[in-house]
Amino acid sequence: MEGKEPKLHRQWIAAVIATLGLFMMGMFLGWPSPTLRILRSPQSEVHLNEDQISWMVSVLYIGSTLSPVPTGWLMNCVGRRTTLMLLATVALASWVILAVVQTPTGIYIARFLGGMWGGSAYTIAPIYLCEIAEAKVRGGLNSLFILMAYVGIMFEFCIGPNVSYTTLSVVSAFVPATFVVALFCIPESPYFYLMSGNRKKAAKSLSWLRCMRPDQVESQLVTMEKAVLADMQNEGHLADLVSTAGNRKALLITLVLAIVQRMAGISVIMAYASAAIPHIGSLSSNGCAIIMCIVWIIFGLFSTMLVDWAGRRSLLAVSCAGCGLANAMVALWFYLDSNTEYDAMQIAWFPFLGFLVYGVFFPVGLGCVPNMIQGEMFPSNTRGLASGVTSTVISLTSFFTNKMYARIGIWAGLYLNYAVFSVSCVFGVWFALRVVIETKGKTLEDIQYELVEHTTCRHIVHAEDTNETLK
């Protein structure tokens, strides 16, 4: 009898390779932080003023706003893996432009392309991970999503301060090239093959992922096939996302969690970490940012083990509560620093502590659960489209928080940004406990059934209450 590990190791291999796309996204997110000191220097290869820096950070999210919906359509046409291969060229082009065209316009174009890649990766990866995984490890595999983004940020944080602007871009360009080669080592999603009517390739893909012969995965394949055939009776248009009570419930949960995740401040913290953290003795701001990133990675690893044991809802609530506390700590320090006579530099370690608390709590819930939900909640025919819409909302929210960060700082003080982030996290606690449904240990088909059943039961109860009132 086969042990547990041989049955799962190929799913982990496929997940690690697929989430290299998120590593690349993390690189684009982390790139501004170590390069800000270079871009602000008049002696650097390229100099940007503060307004140009604001656009340099934010234009990434304009690109990631435009790419998800077309990506959702493309991956339903040519496949999840093939779409990743095709669009990785966009990421490669971004780094090449950064290295060659050293002007503000060149940086804007490169960052825009990087954002397009980020929006695409954010759309495809959750779908692919959910479609290749067994229910018992789906949470763990999806936790790699945000973990790889942290590692990508760490890559830029560590290399950026030690090399020139051009060298950093050249080194970074090797990653998308490696990613394309690695994708040839993993199969396409069996769900996509079934959607395309290619049962033979679906069986081959599933048998590879499960480390079994094609005849041994027949029962799983039949279950998938029935679900896909039922889902594909409708083509999957935008209107289908709100055409049924179950889809509306799924869309509400997914979009609200996406907004809460971004309004918790993660995009701002990733981009401005080095600038936001004051010097602490001999420890530089960039050193503090690297330590914070290490904490993200450690607790991101912890979340891969925890999420399939503790469940999505409870982890999400705890994560929101912890991030709310952390943002409140940072808001308090910035308020004392800019709005009172108190010498806040006496406790320069306090905002760093707040960011560390944030780094502990964000990965275990807010960092991974919304991405899992994005891939779990929708039927096959609307899964790609829903993921595209969700990624667009994430990008718009990220653009808003990054673009307004400096403006709010000038208008009222940086503390107000973190106060808003803290309030958003408090709302996230309520939403997690009252609205989000638990998906731990359930197949994608089980989740669809529960969405429909839960919504139907609620309508029945409401109708009975109404009839009772009329009587």
Protein backbone atom coordinates (compact mmCIF):
# COMPACT_ATOMS: atom_id res chain seq x y z
CA MET A 1 0.00 0.00 0.00
CA GLU A 2 1.34 3.44 -0.99
CA GLY A 3 2.24 5.86 1.79
CA LYS A 4 0.74 9.29 2.10
CA GLU A 5 3.68 11.28 0.77
CA PRO A 6 4.02 9.55 -2.63
CA LYS A 7 0.37 10.33 -3.34
CA LEU A 8 0.83 14.03 -2.65
CA HIS A 9 4.32 14.99 -3.69
CA ARG A 10 3.49 15.68 -7.36
CA GLN A 11 0.65 17.99 -6.34
CA TRP A 12 3.17 19.94 -4.27
CA ILE A 13 5.66 20.01 -7.15
CA ALA A 14 3.01 21.34 -9.53
CA ALA A 15 1.89 23.91 -6.97
CA VAL A 16 5.43 25.17 -6.31
CA ILE A 17 6.15 25.57 -10.03
CA ALA A 18 2.81 27.26 -10.75
CA THR A 19 3.28 29.67 -7.85
CA LEU A 20 6.66 30.77 -9.17
CA GLY A 21 4.37 33.17 -11.03
CA LEU A 22 3.51 34.67 -7.65
CA PHE A 23 7.22 34.81 -6.81
CA MET A 24 7.56 36.98 -9.91
CA MET A 25 4.61 39.11 -8.80
CA GLY A 26 6.28 39.53 -5.39
CA MET A 27 9.41 40.77 -7.15
CA PHE A 28 7.41 43.54 -8.82
CA LEU A 29 5.75 44.41 -5.51
CA GLY A 30 9.02 44.49 -3.61
CA TRP A 31 11.15 46.27 -6.25
CA PRO A 32 10.26 49.87 -5.25
CA SER A 33 11.25 49.53 -1.60
CA PRO A 34 15.02 48.94 -2.03
CA THR A 35 15.26 51.17 -5.13
CA LEU A 36 13.60 54.28 -3.65
CA ARG A 37 16.94 55.56 -2.30
CA ILE A 38 18.43 55.17 -5.80
CA LEU A 39 15.51 56.79 -7.62
CA ARG A 40 15.49 59.77 -5.22
CA SER A 41 19.19 60.46 -5.72
CA PRO A 42 20.06 63.04 -8.42
CA GLN A 43 23.27 61.08 -9.09
CA SER A 44 21.47 57.81 -9.91
CA GLU A 45 20.98 56.25 -13.35
CA VAL A 46 17.43 57.60 -13.33
CA HIS A 47 16.00 60.21 -10.97
CA LEU A 48 12.32 60.56 -10.00
CA ASN A 49 10.65 63.25 -7.91
CA GLU A 50 8.09 62.39 -5.24
CA ASP A 51 5.07 62.66 -7.54
CA GLN A 52 6.78 60.47 -10.15
CA ILE A 53 7.62 57.93 -7.42
CA SER A 54 3.95 57.85 -6.42
CA TRP A 55 3.00 57.06 -10.03
CA MET A 56 5.85 54.56 -10.36
CA VAL A 57 4.42 52.59 -7.42
CA SER A 58 0.78 52.94 -8.46
CA VAL A 59 1.00 52.30 -12.22
CA LEU A 60 1.69 48.65 -11.40
CA TYR A 61 -1.92 48.36 -10.28
CA ILE A 62 -3.28 50.04 -13.42
CA GLY A 63 -1.72 47.19 -15.39
CA SER A 64 -3.04 44.57 -12.98
CA THR A 65 -6.53 46.09 -13.29
CA LEU A 66 -6.65 45.64 -17.06
CA SER A 67 -5.28 42.09 -17.42
CA PRO A 68 -7.42 39.76 -15.21
CA VAL A 69 -10.66 39.57 -17.23
CA PRO A 70 -8.91 38.93 -20.60
CA THR A 71 -6.70 36.41 -18.79
CA GLY A 72 -9.79 34.63 -17.43
CA TRP A 73 -11.10 34.31 -20.98
CA LEU A 74 -7.72 33.21 -22.40
CA MET A 75 -7.13 30.47 -19.82
CA ASN A 76 -10.52 28.98 -20.64
CA CYS A 77 -9.53 28.92 -24.31
CA VAL A 78 -5.95 27.62 -24.26
CA GLY A 79 -5.51 26.32 -20.72
CA ARG A 80 -4.16 27.45 -17.37
CA ARG A 81 -0.57 26.31 -17.89
CA THR A 82 -0.33 27.54 -21.49
CA THR A 83 -1.62 30.98 -20.49
CA LEU A 84 1.05 31.22 -17.80
CA MET A 85 3.69 30.36 -20.41
CA LEU A 86 2.45 32.93 -22.91
CA LEU A 87 2.06 35.79 -20.45
CA ALA A 88 5.40 35.19 -18.70
CA THR A 89 6.90 37.00 -21.70
CA VAL A 90 5.19 40.16 -20.42
CA ALA A 91 7.05 39.84 -17.11
CA LEU A 92 10.33 39.26 -18.94
CA ALA A 93 9.73 42.34 -21.14
CA SER A 94 9.15 44.45 -18.01
CA TRP A 95 12.58 43.67 -16.55
CA VAL A 96 14.31 44.15 -19.90
CA ILE A 97 12.73 47.61 -20.28
CA LEU A 98 13.77 48.55 -16.73
CA ALA A 99 17.36 47.61 -17.58
CA VAL A 100 17.50 49.29 -20.99
CA VAL A 101 15.13 52.30 -20.98
CA GLN A 102 16.29 54.27 -17.94
CA THR A 103 13.82 57.16 -18.06
CA PRO A 104 10.65 57.91 -16.06
CA THR A 105 8.56 56.87 -19.06
CA GLY A 106 10.49 53.62 -19.39
CA ILE A 107 9.90 52.86 -15.72
CA TYR A 108 6.18 53.57 -16.05
CA ILE A 109 5.89 51.23 -19.06
CA ALA A 110 7.88 48.51 -17.33
CA ARG A 111 5.84 48.79 -14.13
CA PHE A 112 2.61 48.73 -16.16
CA LEU A 113 3.70 45.48 -17.84
CA GLY A 114 4.72 44.07 -14.47
CA GLY A 115 1.26 44.89 -13.20
CA MET A 116 -0.31 43.12 -16.16
CA TRP A 117 1.67 40.01 -15.25
CA GLY A 118 0.65 40.34 -11.59
CA GLY A 119 -3.03 40.58 -12.48
CA SER A 120 -2.75 37.55 -14.74
CA ALA A 121 -0.85 35.44 -12.19
CA TYR A 122 -3.34 36.40 -9.50
CA THR A 123 -6.15 35.22 -11.79
CA ILE A 124 -4.69 31.92 -12.98
CA ALA A 125 -2.81 30.53 -9.97
CA PRO A 126 -5.76 30.11 -7.54
CA ILE A 127 -7.77 28.32 -10.21
CA TYR A 128 -4.94 25.97 -11.16
CA LEU A 129 -4.11 25.17 -7.54
CA CYS A 130 -7.72 24.37 -6.65
CA GLU A 131 -8.20 22.23 -9.77
CA ILE A 132 -5.13 20.04 -9.27
CA ALA A 133 -5.46 19.51 -5.52
CA GLU A 134 -7.22 16.92 -3.43
CA ALA A 135 -9.54 18.39 -0.80
CA LYS A 136 -7.26 17.38 2.09
CA VAL A 137 -4.32 19.43 0.82
CA ARG A 138 -6.04 22.18 -1.16
CA GLY A 139 -5.64 24.67 1.66
CA GLY A 140 -1.95 23.91 2.09
CA LEU A 141 -1.25 24.19 -1.64
CA ASN A 142 -3.11 27.49 -1.83
CA SER A 143 -1.08 28.84 1.07
CA LEU A 144 1.91 28.68 -1.27
CA PHE A 145 0.19 31.45 -3.24
CA ILE A 146 1.00 34.23 -0.79
CA LEU A 147 4.14 32.53 0.57
CA MET A 148 5.81 32.66 -2.85
CA ALA A 149 4.88 36.32 -3.16
CA TYR A 150 6.68 36.97 0.13
CA VAL A 151 9.76 35.12 -1.12
CA GLY A 152 9.69 37.24 -4.28
CA ILE A 153 9.55 40.42 -2.19
CA MET A 154 12.42 39.11 -0.06
CA PHE A 155 14.42 38.45 -3.23
CA GLU A 156 14.24 42.13 -4.17
CA PHE A 157 14.76 43.36 -0.59
CA CYS A 158 17.97 41.33 -0.23
CA ILE A 159 19.52 41.87 -3.66
CA GLY A 160 18.34 45.43 -4.37
CA PRO A 161 20.45 47.30 -1.79
CA ASN A 162 23.63 45.45 -2.79
CA VAL A 163 23.65 45.91 -6.57
CA SER A 164 23.11 48.70 -9.08
CA TYR A 165 19.75 49.62 -10.56
CA THR A 166 20.64 47.94 -13.88
CA THR A 167 22.07 44.78 -12.34
CA LEU A 168 18.94 44.25 -10.26
CA SER A 169 16.80 44.35 -13.40
CA VAL A 170 19.07 41.93 -15.29
CA VAL A 171 19.16 39.43 -12.41
CA SER A 172 15.39 39.66 -12.02
CA ALA A 173 14.87 38.92 -15.73
CA PHE A 174 16.28 35.41 -15.31
CA VAL A 175 13.33 34.39 -13.12
CA PRO A 176 10.53 34.54 -15.76
CA ALA A 177 12.80 32.72 -18.23
CA THR A 178 13.33 29.93 -15.68
CA PHE A 179 9.60 29.87 -14.92
CA VAL A 180 8.66 29.10 -18.53
CA VAL A 181 11.07 26.17 -18.66
CA ALA A 182 9.78 24.79 -15.34
CA LEU A 183 6.16 24.87 -16.56
CA PHE A 184 6.98 22.15 -19.10
CA CYS A 185 7.50 19.79 -16.15
CA ILE A 186 3.89 19.91 -14.88
CA PRO A 187 0.56 18.97 -16.49
CA GLU A 188 -2.38 21.08 -17.53
CA SER A 189 -5.38 21.13 -15.18
CA PRO A 190 -7.58 18.03 -15.62
CA TYR A 191 -10.63 20.30 -15.29
CA PHE A 192 -9.53 22.29 -18.34
CA TYR A 193 -9.11 19.10 -20.39
CA LEU A 194 -12.61 18.00 -19.37
CA MET A 195 -13.97 21.44 -20.28
CA SER A 196 -12.34 20.97 -23.69
CA GLY A 197 -13.83 17.48 -24.09
CA ASN A 198 -10.45 15.73 -23.94
CA ARG A 199 -11.11 12.96 -21.42
CA LYS A 200 -7.96 11.01 -22.30
CA LYS A 201 -5.63 13.91 -21.48
CA ALA A 202 -7.65 14.68 -18.35
CA ALA A 203 -7.10 11.10 -17.13
CA LYS A 204 -3.38 11.35 -17.91
CA SER A 205 -3.08 14.66 -16.05
CA LEU A 206 -5.00 13.38 -13.03
CA SER A 207 -3.04 10.12 -12.87
CA TRP A 208 0.23 12.10 -12.87
CA LEU A 209 -0.98 14.40 -10.10
CA ARG A 210 -2.28 11.52 -7.96
CA CYS A 211 0.69 9.22 -8.66
CA MET A 212 -1.70 6.51 -9.87
CA ARG A 213 -2.48 4.63 -13.07
CA PRO A 214 -5.28 6.08 -15.24
CA ASP A 215 -7.63 3.25 -14.26
CA GLN A 216 -7.06 4.02 -10.55
CA VAL A 217 -8.31 7.60 -10.89
CA GLU A 218 -11.42 6.68 -12.86
CA SER A 219 -13.83 7.31 -9.98
CA GLN A 220 -12.35 10.77 -9.33
CA LEU A 221 -12.45 11.52 -13.04
CA VAL A 222 -16.12 10.53 -13.31
CA THR A 223 -17.02 12.87 -10.42
CA MET A 224 -15.10 15.73 -12.04
CA GLU A 225 -16.64 14.98 -15.42
CA LYS A 226 -20.21 15.06 -14.10
CA ALA A 227 -19.58 18.39 -12.37
CA VAL A 228 -17.94 19.92 -15.44
CA LEU A 229 -20.68 18.71 -17.81
CA ALA A 230 -23.34 20.20 -15.51
CA ASP A 231 -21.45 23.48 -15.24
CA MET A 232 -20.71 23.75 -18.97
CA GLN A 233 -24.40 23.65 -19.93
CA ASN A 234 -24.06 27.42 -19.65
CA GLU A 235 -21.17 29.15 -21.42
CA GLY A 236 -20.21 31.30 -18.46
CA HIS A 237 -20.96 34.97 -19.20
CA LEU A 238 -20.59 37.91 -16.84
CA ALA A 239 -24.32 37.78 -16.10
CA ASP A 240 -23.93 34.19 -14.85
CA LEU A 241 -21.95 35.47 -11.86
CA VAL A 242 -25.17 36.94 -10.48
CA SER A 243 -27.74 34.72 -12.19
CA THR A 244 -28.24 32.36 -9.24
CA ALA A 245 -28.43 32.87 -5.49
CA GLY A 246 -25.42 30.59 -4.98
CA ASN A 247 -23.27 32.53 -7.46
CA ARG A 248 -24.31 35.84 -5.91
CA LYS A 249 -23.33 34.57 -2.49
CA ALA A 250 -19.97 33.33 -3.84
CA LEU A 251 -19.31 36.64 -5.60
CA LEU A 252 -20.18 38.66 -2.49
CA ILE A 253 -17.85 36.63 -0.27
CA THR A 254 -15.01 36.68 -2.80
CA LEU A 255 -15.14 40.40 -3.61
CA VAL A 256 -15.55 41.57 -0.02
CA LEU A 257 -12.63 39.41 1.12
CA ALA A 258 -10.52 40.77 -1.74
CA ILE A 259 -11.28 44.35 -0.70
CA VAL A 260 -10.69 43.64 3.00
CA GLN A 261 -7.33 42.01 2.19
CA ARG A 262 -6.11 45.09 0.33
CA MET A 263 -7.71 47.62 2.70
CA ALA A 264 -5.78 45.88 5.49
CA GLY A 265 -2.79 47.73 4.02
CA ILE A 266 -0.67 44.96 2.54
CA SER A 267 0.03 46.73 -0.79
CA VAL A 268 1.19 49.89 0.95
CA ILE A 269 3.35 48.01 3.44
CA MET A 270 5.03 46.01 0.67
CA ALA A 271 5.81 49.10 -1.41
CA TYR A 272 6.75 51.57 1.32
CA ALA A 273 8.23 49.33 4.02
CA SER A 274 11.75 50.77 3.87
CA ALA A 275 10.47 54.35 3.80
CA ALA A 276 7.88 53.88 6.56
CA ILE A 277 10.09 52.21 9.18
CA PRO A 278 12.43 54.61 11.02
CA HIS A 279 16.07 53.75 11.76
CA ILE A 280 16.48 51.79 15.00
CA GLY A 281 19.99 52.28 16.31
CA SER A 282 22.43 50.59 13.95
CA LEU A 283 19.60 48.74 12.13
CA SER A 284 18.71 50.49 8.88
CA SER A 285 15.20 50.87 7.51
CA ASN A 286 15.99 48.35 4.78
CA GLY A 287 17.32 45.92 7.40
CA CYS A 288 14.05 46.27 9.29
CA ALA A 289 12.14 45.58 6.06
CA ILE A 290 14.17 42.41 5.46
CA ILE A 291 13.48 41.18 9.02
CA MET A 292 9.78 41.88 8.50
CA CYS A 293 9.84 39.90 5.25
CA ILE A 294 11.52 36.96 7.01
CA VAL A 295 8.65 36.97 9.53
CA TRP A 296 6.14 36.91 6.63
CA ILE A 297 7.87 33.90 5.12
CA ILE A 298 8.12 31.97 8.42
CA PHE A 299 4.45 32.44 9.23
CA GLY A 300 3.52 31.88 5.58
CA LEU A 301 5.12 28.44 5.94
CA PHE A 302 3.21 27.97 9.18
CA SER A 303 -0.07 28.74 7.41
CA THR A 304 0.48 25.90 4.89
CA MET A 305 0.30 23.46 7.81
CA LEU A 306 -2.45 25.25 9.70
CA VAL A 307 -5.09 26.10 7.12
CA ASP A 308 -6.30 22.54 6.45
CA TRP A 309 -6.44 21.85 10.18
CA ALA A 310 -7.97 24.97 11.72
CA GLY A 311 -10.29 25.97 8.87
CA ARG A 312 -10.65 29.12 6.78
CA ARG A 313 -13.13 31.14 8.83
CA SER A 314 -11.39 30.97 12.20
CA LEU A 315 -7.96 31.73 10.73
CA LEU A 316 -9.39 34.65 8.77
CA ALA A 317 -11.00 36.13 11.88
CA VAL A 318 -7.84 35.77 13.98
CA SER A 319 -5.72 37.20 11.17
CA CYS A 320 -7.98 40.25 10.77
CA ALA A 321 -7.95 40.87 14.53
CA GLY A 322 -4.14 40.69 14.69
CA CYS A 323 -3.66 42.92 11.64
CA GLY A 324 -6.16 45.41 13.08
CA LEU A 325 -4.09 45.62 16.27
CA ALA A 326 -0.84 45.98 14.30
CA ASN A 327 -2.20 48.80 12.13
CA ALA A 328 -3.52 50.56 15.23
CA MET A 329 -0.02 50.41 16.75
CA VAL A 330 1.57 51.96 13.65
CA ALA A 331 -1.20 54.59 13.43
CA LEU A 332 -0.59 55.56 17.06
CA TRP A 333 3.14 56.07 16.50
CA PHE A 334 2.65 58.20 13.38
CA TYR A 335 0.02 60.26 15.20
CA LEU A 336 2.39 60.90 18.10
CA ASP A 337 5.19 61.74 15.67
CA SER A 338 3.29 64.25 13.52
CA ASN A 339 0.37 65.54 15.58
CA THR A 340 1.78 65.92 19.09
CA GLU A 341 4.81 67.46 20.77
CA TYR A 342 5.97 64.06 21.97
CA ASP A 343 9.36 62.93 20.62
CA ALA A 344 8.22 59.69 18.99
CA MET A 345 11.78 58.82 17.98
CA GLN A 346 12.34 57.80 21.60
CA ILE A 347 10.21 54.75 20.75
CA ALA A 348 11.32 54.33 17.12
CA TRP A 349 11.07 50.58 17.65
CA PHE A 350 7.29 50.79 18.18
CA PRO A 351 6.14 50.98 14.50
CA PHE A 352 8.65 48.24 13.65
CA LEU A 353 7.03 46.10 16.34
CA GLY A 354 3.65 46.89 14.80
CA PHE A 355 4.87 45.77 11.38
CA LEU A 356 6.25 42.57 12.90
CA VAL A 357 2.88 41.84 14.53
CA TYR A 358 1.32 42.45 11.11
CA GLY A 359 3.83 40.04 9.57
CA VAL A 360 2.82 37.36 12.08
CA PHE A 361 -0.93 37.61 11.56
CA PHE A 362 -1.37 38.54 7.89
CA PRO A 363 0.00 35.33 6.31
CA VAL A 364 -2.07 32.90 8.40
CA GLY A 365 -5.45 34.18 7.22
CA LEU A 366 -5.76 37.40 5.25
CA GLY A 367 -2.79 36.46 3.12
CA CYS A 368 -4.05 33.07 1.94
CA VAL A 369 -7.79 32.57 2.61
CA PRO A 370 -9.16 35.16 0.11
CA ASN A 371 -7.06 33.56 -2.64
CA MET A 372 -8.36 30.08 -1.75
CA ILE A 373 -11.94 31.33 -1.75
CA GLN A 374 -11.33 32.90 -5.16
CA GLY A 375 -10.56 29.47 -6.61
CA GLU A 376 -13.03 27.40 -4.59
CA MET A 377 -16.35 29.22 -4.78
CA PHE A 378 -17.38 29.09 -8.44
CA PRO A 379 -18.47 26.37 -10.90
CA SER A 380 -16.23 25.44 -13.83
CA ASN A 381 -17.99 27.60 -16.41
CA THR A 382 -17.55 30.85 -14.43
CA ARG A 383 -14.40 30.09 -12.43
CA GLY A 384 -11.99 31.88 -14.77
CA LEU A 385 -14.28 34.88 -15.25
CA ALA A 386 -14.93 35.20 -11.52
CA SER A 387 -11.22 35.03 -10.80
CA GLY A 388 -10.63 37.76 -13.37
CA VAL A 389 -13.26 40.04 -11.84
CA THR A 390 -11.88 39.42 -8.35
CA SER A 391 -8.31 40.17 -9.43
CA THR A 392 -9.52 43.40 -11.06
CA VAL A 393 -11.14 44.49 -7.79
CA ILE A 394 -7.95 43.61 -5.90
CA SER A 395 -5.91 45.71 -8.31
CA LEU A 396 -8.25 48.70 -8.14
CA THR A 397 -8.22 48.62 -4.35
CA SER A 398 -4.41 48.31 -4.32
CA PHE A 399 -4.10 51.23 -6.75
CA PHE A 400 -6.35 53.34 -4.56
CA THR A 401 -4.50 52.59 -1.31
CA ASN A 402 -1.05 53.14 -2.86
CA LYS A 403 -1.96 56.32 -4.73
CA MET A 404 -3.75 57.88 -1.75
CA TYR A 405 -1.09 56.91 0.82
CA ALA A 406 1.16 59.92 0.22
CA ARG A 407 -1.75 62.29 -0.41
CA ILE A 408 -3.45 61.35 2.86
CA GLY A 409 -0.08 61.70 4.58
CA ILE A 410 0.23 65.28 3.31
CA TRP A 411 -3.42 66.16 4.02
CA ALA A 412 -3.89 64.66 7.48
CA GLY A 413 -0.82 62.62 8.41
CA LEU A 414 0.31 59.09 7.63
CA TYR A 415 -1.42 57.84 10.78
CA LEU A 416 -4.81 58.15 9.06
CA ASN A 417 -3.85 55.50 6.48
CA TYR A 418 -3.13 52.95 9.16
CA ALA A 419 -6.22 53.91 11.16
CA VAL A 420 -8.37 53.16 8.08
CA PHE A 421 -6.52 49.87 7.60
CA SER A 422 -7.24 48.97 11.23
CA VAL A 423 -10.97 49.68 10.90
CA SER A 424 -11.09 47.58 7.71
CA CYS A 425 -9.58 44.66 9.63
CA VAL A 426 -12.23 44.96 12.37
CA PHE A 427 -14.91 44.71 9.69
CA GLY A 428 -13.09 41.66 8.34
CA VAL A 429 -13.46 39.89 11.70
CA TRP A 430 -17.25 40.38 11.60
CA PHE A 431 -17.51 39.33 7.95
CA ALA A 432 -15.43 36.18 8.47
CA LEU A 433 -17.57 34.98 11.37
CA ARG A 434 -21.00 35.96 10.03
CA VAL A 435 -20.90 35.60 6.23
CA VAL A 436 -18.00 33.41 5.01
CA ILE A 437 -18.78 29.69 4.67
CA GLU A 438 -16.25 27.06 5.73
CA THR A 439 -14.66 25.14 2.84
CA LYS A 440 -12.08 23.08 4.73
CA GLY A 441 -11.93 19.44 3.61
CA LYS A 442 -14.67 19.83 1.00
CA THR A 443 -14.41 19.05 -2.70
CA LEU A 444 -15.18 21.79 -5.21
CA GLU A 445 -18.44 19.96 -5.95
CA ASP A 446 -19.35 19.90 -2.22
CA ILE A 447 -18.78 23.65 -1.97
CA GLN A 448 -21.11 24.33 -4.90
CA TYR A 449 -23.77 22.17 -3.27
CA GLU A 450 -23.41 23.98 0.05
CA LEU A 451 -23.66 27.41 -1.56
CA VAL A 452 -26.89 26.46 -3.30
CA GLU A 453 -28.28 24.60 -0.27
CA HIS A 454 -27.38 27.34 2.20
CA THR A 455 -28.97 30.06 0.07
CA THR A 456 -32.06 27.97 -0.65
CA CYS A 457 -32.58 27.17 3.02
CA ARG A 458 -32.25 30.82 3.94
CA HIS A 459 -34.90 31.78 1.38
CA ILE A 460 -37.23 29.04 2.67
CA VAL A 461 -36.82 30.23 6.26
CA HIS A 462 -37.42 33.81 5.17
CA ALA A 463 -40.58 32.79 3.29
CA GLU A 464 -41.87 30.85 6.29
CA ASP A 465 -41.24 33.83 8.59
CA THR A 466 -43.07 36.09 6.16
CA ASN A 467 -46.06 33.74 5.97
CA GLU A 468 -46.14 33.50 9.77
CA THR A 469 -46.17 37.29 10.03
CA LEU A 470 -49.05 37.56 7.54
CA LYS A 471 -51.04 35.03 9.50
